[in-house]
Structures are given as structure tokens and as C-alpha cells.
N, C-alpha and C. Protein backbone atom coordinates (compact mmCIF):
# COMPACT_ATOMS: atom_id res chain seq x y z
N UNK A 1 -9.85 -6.27 12.54
CA UNK A 1 -8.68 -5.47 12.88
C UNK A 1 -8.74 -4.19 12.05
N UNK A 2 -8.47 -3.06 12.68
CA UNK A 2 -8.48 -1.80 11.95
C UNK A 2 -7.27 -1.69 11.04
N UNK A 3 -7.36 -0.78 10.09
CA UNK A 3 -6.24 -0.58 9.17
C UNK A 3 -4.97 -0.20 9.92
N UNK A 4 -5.10 0.71 10.89
CA UNK A 4 -3.92 1.16 11.64
C UNK A 4 -3.33 0.02 12.46
N UNK A 5 -4.16 -0.77 13.09
CA UNK A 5 -3.61 -1.85 13.92
C UNK A 5 -2.99 -2.95 13.05
N UNK A 6 -3.55 -3.19 11.88
CA UNK A 6 -2.96 -4.17 10.97
C UNK A 6 -1.58 -3.68 10.52
N UNK A 7 -1.48 -2.42 10.16
CA UNK A 7 -0.20 -1.86 9.75
C UNK A 7 0.79 -1.91 10.91
N UNK A 8 0.35 -1.50 12.09
CA UNK A 8 1.23 -1.55 13.27
C UNK A 8 1.72 -2.97 13.54
N UNK A 9 0.83 -3.93 13.44
CA UNK A 9 1.22 -5.33 13.68
C UNK A 9 2.30 -5.76 12.69
N UNK A 10 2.12 -5.42 11.43
CA UNK A 10 3.10 -5.81 10.41
C UNK A 10 4.43 -5.10 10.61
N UNK A 11 4.38 -3.83 10.93
CA UNK A 11 5.60 -3.04 11.12
C UNK A 11 6.37 -3.48 12.36
N UNK A 12 5.65 -3.82 13.41
CA UNK A 12 6.29 -4.11 14.70
C UNK A 12 6.58 -5.58 14.94
N UNK A 13 6.40 -6.42 13.96
CA UNK A 13 6.71 -7.83 14.11
C UNK A 13 8.23 -8.01 14.24
N UNK A 14 8.64 -8.81 15.19
CA UNK A 14 10.06 -9.12 15.38
C UNK A 14 10.42 -10.23 14.38
N UNK A 15 10.89 -9.84 13.22
CA UNK A 15 11.16 -10.82 12.17
C UNK A 15 12.35 -11.72 12.51
N UNK A 16 13.19 -11.30 13.43
CA UNK A 16 14.34 -12.13 13.80
C UNK A 16 13.89 -13.42 14.51
N UNK A 17 12.67 -13.42 15.03
CA UNK A 17 12.16 -14.58 15.76
C UNK A 17 11.34 -15.51 14.86
N UNK A 18 11.19 -15.16 13.60
CA UNK A 18 10.35 -15.95 12.69
C UNK A 18 11.15 -17.06 12.02
N UNK A 19 10.45 -18.16 11.78
CA UNK A 19 11.04 -19.24 10.99
C UNK A 19 11.03 -18.80 9.53
N UNK A 20 11.77 -19.47 8.66
CA UNK A 20 11.74 -19.09 7.25
C UNK A 20 10.33 -19.11 6.65
N UNK A 21 9.53 -20.07 7.02
CA UNK A 21 8.15 -20.15 6.51
C UNK A 21 7.32 -18.98 7.03
N UNK A 22 7.47 -18.67 8.31
CA UNK A 22 6.75 -17.54 8.90
C UNK A 22 7.21 -16.22 8.29
N UNK A 23 8.50 -16.10 8.03
CA UNK A 23 9.04 -14.89 7.42
C UNK A 23 8.47 -14.69 6.02
N UNK A 24 8.41 -15.76 5.27
CA UNK A 24 7.84 -15.68 3.92
C UNK A 24 6.38 -15.23 3.97
N UNK A 25 5.62 -15.79 4.90
CA UNK A 25 4.21 -15.41 5.06
C UNK A 25 4.09 -13.95 5.50
N UNK A 26 4.97 -13.54 6.39
CA UNK A 26 4.96 -12.15 6.87
C UNK A 26 5.26 -11.19 5.72
N UNK A 27 6.27 -11.50 4.93
CA UNK A 27 6.61 -10.63 3.81
C UNK A 27 5.48 -10.56 2.78
N UNK A 28 4.80 -11.65 2.57
CA UNK A 28 3.64 -11.65 1.67
C UNK A 28 2.53 -10.76 2.23
N UNK A 29 2.31 -10.81 3.53
CA UNK A 29 1.30 -9.97 4.18
C UNK A 29 1.68 -8.49 4.08
N UNK A 30 2.97 -8.19 4.24
CA UNK A 30 3.44 -6.81 4.11
C UNK A 30 3.21 -6.32 2.68
N UNK A 31 3.53 -7.15 1.71
CA UNK A 31 3.32 -6.75 0.31
C UNK A 31 1.84 -6.51 0.01
N UNK A 32 0.97 -7.39 0.51
CA UNK A 32 -0.48 -7.19 0.31
C UNK A 32 -0.94 -5.88 0.95
N UNK A 33 -0.46 -5.60 2.15
CA UNK A 33 -0.84 -4.38 2.86
C UNK A 33 -0.35 -3.14 2.12
N UNK A 34 0.88 -3.19 1.64
CA UNK A 34 1.42 -2.05 0.89
C UNK A 34 0.60 -1.79 -0.38
N UNK A 35 0.24 -2.86 -1.08
CA UNK A 35 -0.58 -2.69 -2.28
C UNK A 35 -1.94 -2.12 -1.93
N UNK A 36 -2.50 -2.56 -0.81
CA UNK A 36 -3.80 -2.04 -0.38
C UNK A 36 -3.70 -0.54 -0.08
N UNK A 37 -2.66 -0.14 0.62
CA UNK A 37 -2.48 1.28 0.92
C UNK A 37 -2.25 2.11 -0.34
N UNK A 38 -1.47 1.57 -1.27
CA UNK A 38 -1.23 2.29 -2.53
C UNK A 38 -2.50 2.39 -3.37
N UNK A 39 -3.32 1.32 -3.37
CA UNK A 39 -4.62 1.37 -4.07
C UNK A 39 -5.50 2.45 -3.47
N UNK A 40 -5.51 2.54 -2.14
CA UNK A 40 -6.31 3.56 -1.47
C UNK A 40 -5.83 4.95 -1.86
N UNK A 41 -4.52 5.15 -1.88
CA UNK A 41 -3.98 6.44 -2.29
C UNK A 41 -4.39 6.77 -3.73
N UNK A 42 -4.26 5.79 -4.62
CA UNK A 42 -4.66 5.99 -6.02
C UNK A 42 -6.13 6.36 -6.12
N UNK A 43 -6.98 5.61 -5.41
CA UNK A 43 -8.42 5.86 -5.47
C UNK A 43 -8.78 7.25 -4.94
N UNK A 44 -8.11 7.67 -3.87
CA UNK A 44 -8.37 9.01 -3.33
C UNK A 44 -7.95 10.10 -4.31
N UNK A 45 -6.82 9.92 -4.94
CA UNK A 45 -6.37 10.90 -5.93
C UNK A 45 -7.32 10.93 -7.13
N UNK A 46 -7.76 9.77 -7.58
CA UNK A 46 -8.67 9.72 -8.73
C UNK A 46 -10.02 10.38 -8.40
N UNK A 47 -10.42 10.35 -7.15
CA UNK A 47 -11.70 10.91 -6.75
C UNK A 47 -11.63 12.42 -6.51
N UNK A 48 -10.45 13.01 -6.58
CA UNK A 48 -10.29 14.43 -6.29
C UNK A 48 -9.63 15.17 -7.44
N UNK A 49 -10.36 15.26 -8.53
CA UNK A 49 -9.83 15.93 -9.73
C UNK A 49 -9.47 17.39 -9.46
N UNK A 50 -10.23 18.07 -8.59
CA UNK A 50 -9.94 19.48 -8.28
C UNK A 50 -8.54 19.64 -7.70
N UNK A 51 -8.18 18.77 -6.78
CA UNK A 51 -6.86 18.85 -6.15
C UNK A 51 -5.76 18.60 -7.17
N UNK A 52 -6.01 17.69 -8.09
CA UNK A 52 -5.00 17.38 -9.09
C UNK A 52 -4.76 18.55 -10.04
N UNK A 53 -5.82 19.27 -10.34
CA UNK A 53 -5.71 20.38 -11.29
C UNK A 53 -4.75 21.46 -10.78
N UNK A 54 -4.73 21.66 -9.47
CA UNK A 54 -3.89 22.71 -8.89
C UNK A 54 -2.53 22.23 -8.40
N UNK A 55 -2.28 20.94 -8.44
CA UNK A 55 -1.04 20.39 -7.88
C UNK A 55 -0.41 19.37 -8.84
N UNK A 56 0.51 19.82 -9.66
CA UNK A 56 1.14 18.91 -10.62
C UNK A 56 1.84 17.73 -9.95
N UNK A 57 2.33 17.91 -8.74
CA UNK A 57 3.00 16.79 -8.07
C UNK A 57 2.01 15.67 -7.73
N UNK A 58 0.78 16.05 -7.39
CA UNK A 58 -0.24 15.03 -7.14
C UNK A 58 -0.62 14.31 -8.43
N UNK A 59 -0.69 15.06 -9.54
CA UNK A 59 -0.98 14.43 -10.83
C UNK A 59 0.12 13.45 -11.20
N UNK A 60 1.36 13.85 -10.95
CA UNK A 60 2.50 12.96 -11.25
C UNK A 60 2.42 11.71 -10.37
N UNK A 61 2.04 11.88 -9.12
CA UNK A 61 1.92 10.73 -8.21
C UNK A 61 0.83 9.78 -8.70
N UNK A 62 -0.30 10.33 -9.15
CA UNK A 62 -1.37 9.48 -9.66
C UNK A 62 -0.91 8.73 -10.90
N UNK A 63 -0.19 9.38 -11.77
CA UNK A 63 0.35 8.72 -12.96
C UNK A 63 1.26 7.57 -12.55
N UNK A 64 2.10 7.82 -11.55
CA UNK A 64 3.01 6.80 -11.04
C UNK A 64 2.23 5.62 -10.45
N UNK A 65 1.21 5.90 -9.68
CA UNK A 65 0.41 4.83 -9.06
C UNK A 65 -0.35 4.02 -10.11
N UNK A 66 -0.84 4.70 -11.13
CA UNK A 66 -1.56 3.99 -12.20
C UNK A 66 -0.66 3.03 -12.96
N UNK A 67 0.63 3.31 -12.98
CA UNK A 67 1.57 2.45 -13.70
C UNK A 67 1.93 1.18 -12.92
N UNK A 68 1.64 1.17 -11.62
CA UNK A 68 1.95 0.01 -10.80
C UNK A 68 0.84 -1.03 -10.90
N UNK A 69 1.20 -2.28 -10.72
CA UNK A 69 0.22 -3.37 -10.70
C UNK A 69 -0.28 -3.54 -9.27
N UNK A 70 -1.40 -2.85 -8.95
CA UNK A 70 -1.90 -2.81 -7.60
C UNK A 70 -3.17 -3.61 -7.37
N UNK A 71 -3.81 -4.02 -8.42
CA UNK A 71 -5.08 -4.71 -8.24
C UNK A 71 -4.85 -6.12 -7.73
N UNK A 72 -5.78 -6.62 -6.89
CA UNK A 72 -5.61 -7.97 -6.32
C UNK A 72 -5.38 -9.01 -7.41
N UNK A 73 -4.51 -9.93 -7.11
CA UNK A 73 -4.22 -11.00 -8.06
C UNK A 73 -3.18 -10.65 -9.10
N UNK A 74 -2.68 -9.42 -9.05
CA UNK A 74 -1.67 -8.99 -10.04
C UNK A 74 -0.32 -8.93 -9.38
């Protein structure tokens, strides 16, 4: 499944039709996906030092992302 289709699937799930167990699993999947997207954002910012030098808001965002526990298992 592509990244976009996985995100679309999670966003478009009708949670009102889920059982409590299914809802818990869905929320866990959403959290994993969000962490994955935030890790990707962090990695892209870390790989582009030139962009950070000219944009203090991007540097602040990278600092914010580095403070979050985004690595798998955390």
C-alpha cells in the first residue's frame, strides 16, 4: 500500500462503525502513521541544512521534532 493510500484509508475510516477493539487498533495505527510522517519530516529537514540556514521557522520546527519521541518502540 502506498503512503498516500495508507493515510487516506486511516483518515476515511468510519470509526462510528468500529467495535471498541477495532477502534483501539485503528487509533494505534493512526498514531504509528503520524509518527512515521513526523519522522519523515524530521529526516528531510535534517538532510537540508541549506534550507534551515535561511529559514529560522524550519530550524524551530526541526528542534520541535527532535524533542518528540518518534523512533519506533518509543
